[in-house]
Amino acid sequence: MPGKADGIAALSQKGFTNKEWTDKLGEDGILKSVGFRQSNPSYLETVFRTNTLDKIKYLKYVAIDDNADMQGARRSKTLPTLLCNLHSPNHFNCRSIFRSSREAKTAGKRKPKGIPPLPEGFNASPFDSWWKLSDSMARRVVKYGLKDEVLEKAKRMCGKNFEDWECPEFEEVKGKLEELERTYKELEKYIGRGEEVPVSEGDNVLHPITKIPSEVVRKYKDILGNERVLTKLVREHIMHRISREKRLWRKEVRTWGFRNIHNILRNPDVVFFDREEKSILYCKRRKVGNRICIAAVVIGAENRHYIYTVEPAPYPPAGLKSGRYVSIYSK
């Protein structure tokens, strides 16, 4: 009987659908001789799926509007990594999928054009990188004290690989969280953690630099949840500096930095301590032409609830080598 069963498997690989394959076999053919009937198709479907899935060599990307530029792109199923962003989901609420395909065509030979950059956390297949925490995810884990819970979950996801204590996925998660935890503890020495300012927008405060009363126009939170205050006086100072800026790159960077204070404070690329001015610089990199610059939101070290200004500078800043600036955080 094994020979007959092998014949069933061989027919399942000819490219028929499940129904076509079953009809092809016929009631009086191989099915009857091996003791199976079409009225009881469960075993036959198992044979069909097992053998046909083994023959699928390509996956076809089926875009649902959002990723129309990738419509019809194919990749080889056997590639060790998913190339050319050919994976799904590609963003929140992504509806695009992969469908099995036997057609080679351009599989793995060309990269689809016009693919938009993917949001953080969507640039790898979940099958290949389930353990890769995005930077924003890792920050939230450390911020809310969830490290031990996440590591326990990572152990379970390693499965049998963890039995011999050689699970590189777990070690990567653990290493990233522990490094970020150490970095945050160092950063906390300079900027504090979760500090709140007892003022509201619209209140008048005495700014520590000018000693002049000024209205609070915005309150922000930084990377460790500390509140930072922007007064009307400082806002006008920054806008005045922008209007008088002669160098175009500085004008562009300062303008962009002023519009993005919230993002710079919450998600800086690097944070410096200025030994000379005794201030903290929350910095975000920005490319202007061929120049890499930083927009720095400047906070006083002693009066660290108040924003002093927004400064443009080349990256790395000139005072880094001299020791004026000390890097206390880098993404």
Protein backbone atom coordinates (compact mmCIF):
# COMPACT_ATOMS: atom_id res chain seq x y z
CA MET A 1 0.00 0.00 0.00
CA PRO A 2 2.83 2.47 0.51
CA GLY A 3 3.35 2.56 -3.24
CA LYS A 4 -0.27 3.59 -3.80
CA ALA A 5 -0.04 6.31 -1.15
CA ASP A 6 3.10 7.64 -2.82
CA GLY A 7 1.07 7.87 -6.01
CA ILE A 8 -1.48 10.08 -4.25
CA ALA A 9 1.30 12.39 -3.06
CA ALA A 10 2.80 12.54 -6.56
CA LEU A 11 -0.52 13.62 -8.09
CA SER A 12 -0.95 16.33 -5.44
CA GLN A 13 2.16 18.08 -6.78
CA LYS A 14 0.92 18.53 -10.37
CA GLY A 15 -0.61 21.97 -9.81
CA PHE A 16 -4.27 21.06 -9.29
CA THR A 17 -6.59 22.61 -6.70
CA ASN A 18 -7.72 20.32 -3.87
CA LYS A 19 -11.08 19.64 -5.59
CA GLU A 20 -9.51 19.09 -9.02
CA TRP A 21 -6.97 16.73 -7.53
CA THR A 22 -9.63 14.71 -5.69
CA ASP A 23 -11.79 14.50 -8.83
CA LYS A 24 -8.75 13.46 -10.88
CA LEU A 25 -8.12 10.49 -8.62
CA GLY A 26 -11.64 9.16 -9.16
CA GLU A 27 -13.75 6.88 -6.96
CA ASP A 28 -12.55 3.74 -8.66
CA GLY A 29 -8.89 4.64 -8.88
CA ILE A 30 -6.17 4.86 -6.28
CA LEU A 31 -8.58 6.04 -3.58
CA LYS A 32 -10.63 2.87 -3.54
CA SER A 33 -7.63 0.58 -3.71
CA VAL A 34 -6.04 2.09 -0.60
CA GLY A 35 -9.31 2.11 1.36
CA PHE A 36 -10.34 5.78 1.23
CA ARG A 37 -13.51 7.37 -0.17
CA GLN A 38 -14.35 10.89 -1.36
CA SER A 39 -17.14 10.92 1.21
CA ASN A 40 -14.43 11.07 3.91
CA PRO A 41 -11.99 13.71 2.54
CA SER A 42 -10.07 14.72 5.69
CA TYR A 43 -7.07 12.47 5.09
CA LEU A 44 -6.94 13.48 1.43
CA GLU A 45 -6.90 17.18 2.28
CA THR A 46 -4.04 16.58 4.73
CA VAL A 47 -2.04 14.80 2.00
CA PHE A 48 -2.84 17.56 -0.49
CA ARG A 49 -1.85 20.47 1.78
CA THR A 50 1.31 18.77 3.02
CA ASN A 51 2.61 18.13 -0.48
CA THR A 52 1.51 21.35 -2.18
CA LEU A 53 2.84 23.68 0.53
CA ASP A 54 6.20 22.00 0.18
CA LYS A 55 6.18 22.99 -3.49
CA ILE A 56 5.42 26.68 -2.93
CA LYS A 57 8.61 28.56 -3.80
CA TYR A 58 7.45 32.16 -4.07
CA LEU A 59 5.30 34.59 -2.13
CA LYS A 60 3.35 37.29 -3.96
CA TYR A 61 2.68 40.63 -2.24
CA VAL A 62 -0.99 41.63 -2.47
CA ALA A 63 -1.31 45.34 -1.66
CA ILE A 64 -4.51 46.88 -0.32
CA ASP A 65 -4.31 50.52 -1.47
CA ASP A 66 -1.83 51.65 1.19
CA ASN A 67 1.14 49.82 -0.36
CA ALA A 68 0.14 49.98 -4.03
CA ASP A 69 3.74 50.58 -5.10
CA MET A 70 4.58 47.03 -3.98
CA GLN A 71 1.61 45.37 -5.75
CA GLY A 72 2.61 42.08 -7.35
CA ALA A 73 6.19 42.04 -6.08
CA ARG A 74 7.54 38.56 -5.39
CA ARG A 75 10.29 37.10 -3.26
CA SER A 76 11.68 33.64 -2.82
CA LYS A 77 10.17 31.82 0.16
CA THR A 78 13.55 30.33 1.01
CA LEU A 79 15.47 33.59 1.49
CA PRO A 80 16.88 33.81 5.04
CA THR A 81 15.65 37.38 5.44
CA LEU A 82 12.77 39.28 3.93
CA LEU A 83 14.25 41.54 1.29
CA CYS A 84 13.09 44.85 -0.14
CA ASN A 85 10.57 45.51 2.65
CA LEU A 86 8.50 42.60 1.31
CA HIS A 87 6.82 41.69 4.53
CA SER A 88 3.61 42.55 6.28
CA PRO A 89 2.38 44.41 8.25
CA ASN A 90 4.15 47.57 7.04
CA HIS A 91 2.35 50.03 9.32
CA PHE A 92 -0.49 50.16 11.85
CA ASN A 93 -3.76 48.78 10.42
CA CYS A 94 -1.90 47.40 7.40
CA ARG A 95 -4.22 45.19 5.32
CA SER A 96 -1.73 43.92 2.74
CA ILE A 97 -0.84 40.22 2.70
CA PHE A 98 1.36 37.60 1.04
CA ARG A 99 -0.14 34.93 -1.17
CA SER A 100 1.56 31.74 -2.32
CA SER A 101 2.76 31.73 -5.93
CA ARG A 102 4.42 29.22 -8.23
CA GLU A 103 5.54 31.93 -10.66
CA ALA A 104 9.17 32.93 -10.52
CA LYS A 105 9.05 36.02 -12.77
CA THR A 106 11.07 38.75 -11.02
CA ALA A 107 11.29 37.10 -7.62
CA GLY A 108 14.28 38.39 -5.68
CA LYS A 109 15.74 40.16 -8.74
CA ARG A 110 14.38 43.67 -8.47
CA LYS A 111 13.44 46.02 -5.71
CA PRO A 112 10.02 47.67 -6.09
CA LYS A 113 10.29 51.42 -6.63
CA GLY A 114 8.55 54.11 -4.66
CA ILE A 115 8.36 52.25 -1.35
CA PRO A 116 7.81 54.78 1.47
CA PRO A 117 9.99 54.54 4.58
CA LEU A 118 8.46 52.23 7.15
CA PRO A 119 7.61 53.36 10.69
CA GLU A 120 9.81 52.22 13.54
CA GLY A 121 9.07 48.63 14.47
CA PHE A 122 7.79 47.65 11.01
CA ASN A 123 11.11 47.22 9.21
CA ALA A 124 11.53 43.47 9.74
CA SER A 125 9.51 40.30 9.55
CA PRO A 126 7.96 39.16 12.85
CA PHE A 127 9.11 35.64 11.96
CA ASP A 128 12.73 36.74 11.68
CA SER A 129 12.91 39.29 14.50
CA TRP A 130 10.25 38.78 17.15
CA TRP A 131 12.81 39.64 19.83
CA LYS A 132 13.88 43.01 18.38
CA LEU A 133 12.49 45.78 20.57
CA SER A 134 12.23 49.13 18.83
CA ASP A 135 13.89 52.06 20.61
CA SER A 136 10.52 53.51 21.65
CA MET A 137 9.37 50.13 23.01
CA ALA A 138 12.59 49.68 25.00
CA ARG A 139 12.28 53.16 26.48
CA ARG A 140 8.74 52.47 27.65
CA VAL A 141 9.78 49.14 29.16
CA VAL A 142 12.51 50.80 31.23
CA LYS A 143 10.44 53.88 32.04
CA TYR A 144 7.55 51.87 33.48
CA GLY A 145 9.70 49.26 35.25
CA LEU A 146 8.65 46.33 33.05
CA LYS A 147 12.13 44.92 32.38
CA ASP A 148 11.75 41.74 34.48
CA GLU A 149 8.33 41.00 33.02
CA VAL A 150 9.59 41.43 29.45
CA LEU A 151 12.64 39.23 30.07
CA GLU A 152 10.42 36.49 31.50
CA LYS A 153 8.29 36.69 28.38
CA ALA A 154 11.43 36.54 26.23
CA LYS A 155 12.48 33.32 27.99
CA ARG A 156 9.18 31.70 27.11
CA MET A 157 9.43 32.84 23.50
CA CYS A 158 12.88 31.29 23.19
CA GLY A 159 11.26 27.92 23.83
CA LYS A 160 13.51 24.92 23.55
CA ASN A 161 16.50 27.11 22.67
CA PHE A 162 16.55 28.30 26.25
CA GLU A 163 17.01 24.83 27.70
CA ASP A 164 20.75 24.96 27.10
CA TRP A 165 21.00 28.65 28.06
CA GLU A 166 22.10 29.56 24.58
CA CYS A 167 19.32 31.77 23.30
CA PRO A 168 20.81 34.75 21.40
CA GLU A 169 17.36 36.32 21.06
CA PHE A 170 16.95 36.50 24.84
CA GLU A 171 20.48 37.85 25.28
CA GLU A 172 19.78 40.60 22.75
CA VAL A 173 16.61 41.70 24.56
CA LYS A 174 18.35 41.54 27.95
CA GLY A 175 21.43 43.42 26.75
CA LYS A 176 19.42 46.22 25.15
CA LEU A 177 17.25 46.78 28.23
CA GLU A 178 20.15 46.64 30.70
CA GLU A 179 22.22 49.07 28.65
CA LEU A 180 19.30 51.49 28.40
CA GLU A 181 18.66 51.15 32.13
CA ARG A 182 22.29 52.08 32.89
CA THR A 183 22.10 55.02 30.50
CA TYR A 184 18.90 56.31 32.05
CA LYS A 185 20.37 56.12 35.55
CA GLU A 186 23.31 58.25 34.40
CA LEU A 187 20.97 60.67 32.63
CA GLU A 188 18.79 60.90 35.72
CA LYS A 189 21.69 62.38 37.71
CA TYR A 190 21.63 65.41 35.43
CA ILE A 191 17.97 65.88 34.50
CA GLY A 192 15.97 64.11 37.23
CA ARG A 193 13.01 61.78 36.68
CA GLY A 194 9.29 62.51 36.63
CA GLU A 195 9.63 66.00 38.11
CA GLU A 196 6.57 68.23 37.77
CA VAL A 197 6.41 72.02 37.69
CA PRO A 198 3.71 73.59 39.94
CA VAL A 199 2.62 76.07 37.25
CA SER A 200 0.04 75.97 34.47
CA GLU A 201 -0.12 77.47 31.03
CA GLY A 202 -1.16 81.10 31.39
CA ASP A 203 0.53 81.61 34.76
CA ASN A 204 3.06 84.38 35.22
CA VAL A 205 6.47 83.23 36.48
CA LEU A 206 9.78 84.89 37.22
CA HIS A 207 12.18 83.49 34.67
CA PRO A 208 15.52 82.53 36.30
CA ILE A 209 17.68 84.18 33.60
CA THR A 210 16.08 87.60 33.11
CA LYS A 211 14.30 87.81 36.48
CA ILE A 212 11.41 89.32 34.50
CA PRO A 213 7.85 88.03 34.95
CA SER A 214 6.63 86.19 31.88
CA GLU A 215 3.60 84.10 30.93
CA VAL A 216 3.90 80.31 30.63
CA VAL A 217 2.90 79.49 27.03
CA ARG A 218 3.71 75.75 26.89
CA LYS A 219 4.62 72.83 29.14
CA TYR A 220 6.49 69.83 27.73
CA LYS A 221 7.78 66.53 29.09
CA ASP A 222 11.27 65.25 28.39
CA ILE A 223 12.66 61.74 27.87
CA LEU A 224 12.37 60.84 31.57
CA GLY A 225 9.01 62.50 32.12
CA ASN A 226 10.25 65.79 33.61
CA GLU A 227 8.19 68.89 32.88
CA ARG A 228 9.86 71.72 30.95
CA VAL A 229 8.40 75.23 30.73
CA LEU A 230 8.48 77.64 27.79
CA THR A 231 7.66 81.24 28.68
CA LYS A 232 6.41 83.96 26.36
CA LEU A 233 9.65 85.90 26.86
CA VAL A 234 11.82 82.97 25.73
CA ARG A 235 9.53 82.25 22.77
CA GLU A 236 9.89 85.84 21.60
CA HIS A 237 13.66 85.64 22.14
CA ILE A 238 13.91 82.55 19.93
CA MET A 239 11.74 84.07 17.20
CA HIS A 240 13.85 87.22 17.28
CA ARG A 241 17.03 85.17 16.85
CA ILE A 242 15.45 83.37 13.90
CA SER A 243 14.52 86.63 12.19
CA ARG A 244 18.08 87.99 12.57
CA GLU A 245 19.90 84.77 11.60
CA LYS A 246 22.25 85.45 8.66
CA ARG A 247 23.46 81.94 7.83
CA LEU A 248 20.77 79.94 6.08
CA TRP A 249 21.63 76.58 7.63
CA ARG A 250 21.46 78.03 11.13
CA LYS A 251 18.16 79.75 10.34
CA GLU A 252 16.69 76.52 8.98
CA VAL A 253 17.85 74.40 11.92
CA ARG A 254 16.77 76.92 14.56
CA THR A 255 13.33 77.30 12.93
CA TRP A 256 12.87 73.54 12.71
CA GLY A 257 14.07 73.10 16.30
CA PHE A 258 11.64 75.72 17.60
CA ARG A 259 8.73 73.94 15.88
CA ASN A 260 9.80 70.57 17.24
CA ILE A 261 10.67 71.29 20.88
CA HIS A 262 8.31 68.57 22.11
CA ASN A 263 9.84 65.88 19.88
CA ILE A 264 13.41 66.91 20.72
CA LEU A 265 12.78 66.76 24.47
CA ARG A 266 10.89 63.46 24.36
CA ASN A 267 13.06 61.71 21.80
CA PRO A 268 16.56 63.27 21.60
CA ASP A 269 19.33 61.69 19.55
CA VAL A 270 21.92 62.86 22.05
CA VAL A 271 21.99 64.85 25.31
CA PHE A 272 25.00 66.94 26.33
CA PHE A 273 25.98 68.60 29.58
CA ASP A 274 27.62 71.99 28.96
CA ARG A 275 30.27 72.38 31.67
CA GLU A 276 30.92 76.01 30.77
CA GLU A 277 27.33 77.27 30.76
CA LYS A 278 26.06 74.70 33.29
CA SER A 279 23.20 73.69 31.03
CA ILE A 280 21.65 70.60 29.46
CA LEU A 281 21.33 70.34 25.67
CA TYR A 282 18.66 68.04 24.29
CA CYS A 283 19.70 67.54 20.66
CA LYS A 284 18.17 66.20 17.48
CA ARG A 285 20.23 65.67 14.31
CA ARG A 286 19.10 67.28 11.08
CA LYS A 287 20.66 67.26 7.62
CA VAL A 288 20.82 70.57 5.75
CA GLY A 289 22.38 70.14 2.31
CA ASN A 290 25.55 68.13 2.90
CA ARG A 291 25.86 69.33 6.50
CA ILE A 292 24.81 67.31 9.56
CA CYS A 293 23.55 69.69 12.23
CA ILE A 294 21.82 69.55 15.57
CA ALA A 295 18.95 71.56 16.97
CA ALA A 296 19.56 71.87 20.72
CA VAL A 297 16.85 72.77 23.24
CA VAL A 298 18.82 74.35 26.07
CA ILE A 299 17.76 73.84 29.70
CA GLY A 300 19.50 75.29 32.74
CA ALA A 301 21.25 72.72 34.93
CA GLU A 302 20.36 74.56 38.12
CA ASN A 303 16.93 75.79 36.95
CA ARG A 304 16.19 72.71 34.89
CA HIS A 305 12.46 73.25 34.51
CA TYR A 306 12.94 76.23 32.21
CA ILE A 307 13.79 76.28 28.52
CA TYR A 308 16.42 78.93 27.82
CA THR A 309 16.62 78.86 24.01
CA VAL A 310 16.92 76.70 20.90
CA GLU A 311 20.38 76.67 19.36
CA PRO A 312 21.65 75.37 15.98
CA ALA A 313 25.13 73.85 15.81
CA PRO A 314 27.23 71.56 13.60
CA TYR A 315 27.46 67.94 14.70
CA PRO A 316 29.50 67.05 16.62
CA PRO A 317 29.70 70.42 18.40
CA ALA A 318 33.09 72.11 18.42
CA GLY A 319 33.41 71.97 22.21
CA LEU A 320 33.12 68.19 22.39
CA LYS A 321 36.84 67.47 21.92
CA SER A 322 37.87 70.23 24.31
CA GLY A 323 35.76 68.71 27.08
CA ARG A 324 33.25 71.56 27.27
CA TYR A 325 30.42 69.17 26.34
CA VAL A 326 29.95 65.82 28.02
CA SER A 327 27.71 63.28 26.30
CA ILE A 328 25.31 61.90 28.92
CA TYR A 329 22.93 60.13 26.53
CA SER A 330 23.12 58.86 22.96
CA LYS A 331 20.45 56.90 21.14
